[in-house]
N, C-alpha and C. Protein backbone atom coordinates (compact mmCIF):
# COMPACT_ATOMS: atom_id res chain seq x y z
N MET A 1 5.47 -2.17 13.80
CA MET A 1 6.22 -2.91 14.70
C MET A 1 6.58 -2.01 15.90
N GLU A 2 6.57 -2.53 17.10
CA GLU A 2 6.76 -1.75 18.30
C GLU A 2 7.85 -2.50 19.13
N GLU A 3 8.41 -1.78 20.10
CA GLU A 3 9.56 -2.39 20.91
C GLU A 3 8.74 -3.29 21.81
N SER A 4 9.40 -4.46 22.13
CA SER A 4 8.82 -5.45 23.03
C SER A 4 9.23 -5.29 24.41
N LYS A 5 8.51 -6.09 25.25
CA LYS A 5 8.92 -6.24 26.76
C LYS A 5 9.96 -7.20 26.69
N THR A 6 10.55 -7.42 27.99
CA THR A 6 11.60 -8.42 28.10
C THR A 6 11.07 -9.74 27.67
N PRO A 7 11.79 -10.45 26.77
CA PRO A 7 11.33 -11.69 26.22
C PRO A 7 11.24 -12.91 27.26
N GLU A 8 10.28 -13.79 27.31
CA GLU A 8 10.27 -14.92 28.19
C GLU A 8 11.27 -15.89 27.72
N ARG A 9 11.66 -15.80 26.47
CA ARG A 9 12.58 -16.83 25.83
C ARG A 9 13.52 -16.23 24.97
N ARG A 10 14.64 -16.95 24.85
CA ARG A 10 15.73 -16.42 23.94
C ARG A 10 16.19 -17.57 23.12
N LEU A 11 16.37 -17.36 21.87
CA LEU A 11 16.82 -18.41 20.87
C LEU A 11 18.05 -17.93 20.12
N ASP A 12 19.13 -18.48 20.41
CA ASP A 12 20.40 -18.10 19.81
C ASP A 12 20.77 -18.99 18.63
N LEU A 13 20.65 -18.47 17.34
CA LEU A 13 20.81 -19.29 16.13
C LEU A 13 21.99 -18.79 15.45
N ILE A 14 22.98 -18.15 16.02
CA ILE A 14 24.13 -17.74 15.32
C ILE A 14 24.89 -18.91 14.69
N GLY A 15 25.24 -18.76 13.49
CA GLY A 15 26.00 -19.95 12.87
C GLY A 15 25.09 -20.92 12.12
N PHE A 16 23.77 -20.82 12.24
CA PHE A 16 22.84 -21.70 11.65
C PHE A 16 22.20 -20.94 10.41
N PHE A 17 22.05 -21.76 9.42
CA PHE A 17 21.37 -21.22 8.11
C PHE A 17 20.28 -21.99 7.72
N CYS A 18 19.47 -21.45 6.82
CA CYS A 18 18.15 -21.79 6.34
C CYS A 18 18.31 -23.38 6.08
N PRO A 19 17.39 -24.17 6.62
CA PRO A 19 16.00 -23.83 7.09
C PRO A 19 16.06 -23.86 8.64
N ILE A 20 17.18 -24.05 9.32
CA ILE A 20 17.20 -24.30 10.69
C ILE A 20 16.67 -23.15 11.55
N PRO A 21 16.97 -21.82 11.31
CA PRO A 21 16.37 -20.76 12.04
C PRO A 21 14.89 -20.76 12.12
N VAL A 22 14.21 -21.00 10.93
CA VAL A 22 12.74 -21.04 10.80
C VAL A 22 12.25 -22.30 11.50
N HIS A 23 12.84 -23.37 11.41
CA HIS A 23 12.38 -24.62 12.03
C HIS A 23 12.42 -24.44 13.67
N GLU A 24 13.51 -23.99 14.09
CA GLU A 24 13.79 -23.76 15.57
C GLU A 24 12.79 -22.79 16.12
N THR A 25 12.58 -21.72 15.29
CA THR A 25 11.66 -20.73 15.88
C THR A 25 10.20 -21.16 15.93
N ARG A 26 9.91 -21.87 14.94
CA ARG A 26 8.44 -22.55 14.87
C ARG A 26 8.31 -23.45 15.95
N LYS A 27 9.40 -24.26 16.21
CA LYS A 27 9.41 -25.22 17.37
C LYS A 27 9.14 -24.44 18.81
N ALA A 28 9.92 -23.59 18.87
CA ALA A 28 10.01 -22.75 20.21
C ALA A 28 8.59 -22.03 20.39
N LEU A 29 8.04 -21.50 19.37
CA LEU A 29 6.74 -20.83 19.38
C LEU A 29 5.62 -21.86 19.78
N SER A 30 5.80 -22.95 19.25
CA SER A 30 4.64 -24.03 19.55
C SER A 30 4.75 -24.42 21.03
N GLU A 31 5.71 -24.17 21.74
CA GLU A 31 5.87 -24.52 23.12
C GLU A 31 5.62 -23.37 24.13
N MET A 32 5.22 -22.25 23.52
CA MET A 32 4.95 -21.00 24.26
C MET A 32 3.57 -20.71 24.43
N LEU A 33 3.27 -19.90 25.46
CA LEU A 33 1.88 -19.55 25.73
C LEU A 33 1.52 -18.21 25.01
N GLU A 34 0.18 -18.01 24.74
CA GLU A 34 -0.25 -16.85 24.05
C GLU A 34 0.24 -15.52 24.80
N GLY A 35 0.72 -14.57 24.05
CA GLY A 35 1.23 -13.36 24.76
C GLY A 35 2.59 -13.38 25.13
N GLU A 36 3.34 -14.47 25.22
CA GLU A 36 4.68 -14.53 25.52
C GLU A 36 5.59 -14.03 24.38
N VAL A 37 6.81 -13.53 24.63
CA VAL A 37 7.61 -12.95 23.54
C VAL A 37 8.97 -13.76 23.63
N ILE A 38 9.37 -13.98 22.41
CA ILE A 38 10.64 -14.70 22.18
C ILE A 38 11.61 -13.82 21.49
N GLU A 39 12.87 -13.86 21.82
CA GLU A 39 13.91 -13.07 21.08
C GLU A 39 14.72 -14.12 20.31
N VAL A 40 14.88 -13.88 19.06
CA VAL A 40 15.59 -14.78 18.13
C VAL A 40 16.73 -14.05 17.57
N ILE A 41 17.86 -14.55 17.74
CA ILE A 41 19.09 -13.93 17.22
C ILE A 41 19.83 -14.76 16.25
N GLY A 42 20.16 -14.31 15.11
CA GLY A 42 20.86 -15.09 14.04
C GLY A 42 21.62 -14.34 13.19
N ASP A 43 22.39 -14.93 12.34
CA ASP A 43 23.28 -14.15 11.37
C ASP A 43 23.10 -14.52 9.93
N ASP A 44 22.05 -15.32 9.62
CA ASP A 44 21.70 -15.64 8.29
C ASP A 44 20.86 -14.51 7.66
N PRO A 45 21.35 -13.84 6.69
CA PRO A 45 20.58 -12.68 6.04
C PRO A 45 19.27 -13.11 5.54
N GLU A 46 19.14 -14.37 5.15
CA GLU A 46 17.77 -14.91 4.61
C GLU A 46 16.73 -14.74 5.74
N THR A 47 17.02 -14.73 7.02
CA THR A 47 16.01 -14.61 8.00
C THR A 47 15.31 -13.24 7.93
N LEU A 48 15.91 -12.25 7.32
CA LEU A 48 15.24 -11.06 7.18
C LEU A 48 14.00 -11.15 6.29
N HIS A 49 13.97 -12.06 5.42
CA HIS A 49 12.69 -12.48 4.72
C HIS A 49 11.90 -13.51 5.36
N ASP A 50 12.66 -14.70 5.90
CA ASP A 50 12.01 -15.87 6.30
C ASP A 50 11.18 -15.51 7.58
N MET A 51 11.77 -14.91 8.56
CA MET A 51 11.04 -14.57 9.87
C MET A 51 9.71 -13.87 9.66
N PRO A 52 9.66 -12.74 8.95
CA PRO A 52 8.40 -12.06 8.75
C PRO A 52 7.35 -13.09 8.06
N ALA A 53 7.87 -13.82 7.14
CA ALA A 53 6.99 -14.76 6.38
C ALA A 53 6.49 -15.80 7.40
N LEU A 54 7.31 -16.26 8.26
CA LEU A 54 6.92 -17.27 9.24
C LEU A 54 5.90 -16.78 10.09
N CYS A 55 6.13 -15.52 10.72
CA CYS A 55 5.16 -14.91 11.51
C CYS A 55 3.77 -14.71 10.92
N GLU A 56 3.76 -14.37 9.69
CA GLU A 56 2.48 -14.06 8.95
C GLU A 56 1.81 -15.49 8.88
N ARG A 57 2.57 -16.53 8.48
CA ARG A 57 1.99 -17.86 8.32
C ARG A 57 1.38 -18.36 9.67
N LEU A 58 2.05 -18.07 10.79
CA LEU A 58 1.61 -18.70 12.07
C LEU A 58 0.67 -17.75 12.75
N GLY A 59 0.50 -16.54 12.28
CA GLY A 59 -0.48 -15.62 12.93
C GLY A 59 0.09 -15.02 14.25
N VAL A 60 1.48 -14.92 14.24
CA VAL A 60 2.08 -14.26 15.42
C VAL A 60 2.51 -12.90 15.15
N GLU A 61 2.92 -12.14 16.08
CA GLU A 61 3.24 -10.73 15.93
C GLU A 61 4.76 -10.46 15.89
N LEU A 62 5.22 -10.05 14.79
CA LEU A 62 6.66 -9.58 14.80
C LEU A 62 6.76 -8.16 15.36
N LEU A 63 7.29 -8.10 16.49
CA LEU A 63 7.30 -6.79 17.19
C LEU A 63 8.51 -5.84 16.78
N SER A 64 9.62 -6.45 16.50
CA SER A 64 10.74 -5.67 16.06
C SER A 64 11.85 -6.57 15.40
N VAL A 65 12.67 -5.89 14.55
CA VAL A 65 13.74 -6.44 13.84
C VAL A 65 14.86 -5.44 13.96
N SER A 66 16.03 -5.81 14.29
CA SER A 66 17.22 -4.92 14.47
C SER A 66 18.41 -5.73 13.97
N GLU A 67 19.39 -5.01 13.56
CA GLU A 67 20.61 -5.50 12.95
C GLU A 67 21.82 -4.84 13.77
N ASN A 68 22.85 -5.60 14.12
CA ASN A 68 24.03 -5.10 14.65
C ASN A 68 25.23 -5.94 14.32
N SER A 69 26.07 -5.51 13.52
CA SER A 69 27.26 -6.04 13.05
C SER A 69 27.01 -7.44 12.41
N GLY A 70 26.00 -7.44 11.61
CA GLY A 70 25.64 -8.77 10.88
C GLY A 70 24.75 -9.74 11.63
N GLU A 71 24.48 -9.29 12.82
CA GLU A 71 23.57 -10.24 13.69
C GLU A 71 22.11 -9.58 13.67
N TYR A 72 21.09 -10.37 13.49
CA TYR A 72 19.68 -9.97 13.40
C TYR A 72 19.00 -10.37 14.62
N THR A 73 18.18 -9.46 15.26
CA THR A 73 17.45 -9.82 16.35
C THR A 73 16.03 -9.54 16.09
N PHE A 74 15.21 -10.66 16.39
CA PHE A 74 13.71 -10.46 16.08
C PHE A 74 13.03 -10.68 17.46
N HIS A 75 12.03 -9.86 17.80
CA HIS A 75 11.16 -10.09 18.86
C HIS A 75 9.89 -10.40 18.37
N ILE A 76 9.35 -11.57 18.81
CA ILE A 76 8.08 -12.11 18.29
C ILE A 76 7.10 -12.43 19.39
N ARG A 77 5.93 -11.95 19.40
CA ARG A 77 4.93 -12.26 20.33
C ARG A 77 4.06 -13.36 19.73
N LYS A 78 3.73 -14.39 20.62
CA LYS A 78 2.80 -15.46 20.29
C LYS A 78 1.48 -14.92 20.42
């Protein structure tokens, strides 16, 4: 994984739990162009497993994952 450029899109999913973060991320990715980056922020620990699995299924690139005070930030390139 590498650091990403400034994301074209940001998805704030704080307070939402499975399956909403995966569903909303999939929906946002479907509306994006190839090469665009989305930043997804959430606080559901399950996303640490679910987002990499989603990226693999969709064939998109998980650029980075970070954690700060229980909030997880994912940068994903379509």
